[in-house]
Amino acid sequence: MAANQRQFTGPIADVLAKVEPAQKKGQLGSVRRVDLSAVENRPASVHVGEKKLFVIGLTVAAVGQVRRVINHRRSSCLLVPLSSSPSLS
């Protein structure tokens, strides 16, 4: 990541004020906003990413029927552990 991650912490209004210019400059490729509810004093984490389908092989039957072998792969994953006592500053 070209931008320092620590500069994107704090109240949501302050973070958005920093994210939008960085995104316009091309320093951030994509932005996702995650709302999370967690139980107090319990560990929580957020997994952001997506699964993509990839064709990893083909089987052609004698009658010409084609079957694709498809695999699911995670891409662009980010695992963020969250503290049990959230900071509101």
Foldseek 3Di string as FASTA:
>chain_A
DQDDPVCQDADPVSNVVVVVVCVVVVVDDDDDDDDDDDDAPDKDKDKDWDKDKDFPDWDADPVGDIDTDIDIDTDPIDIGIDDRDDDND
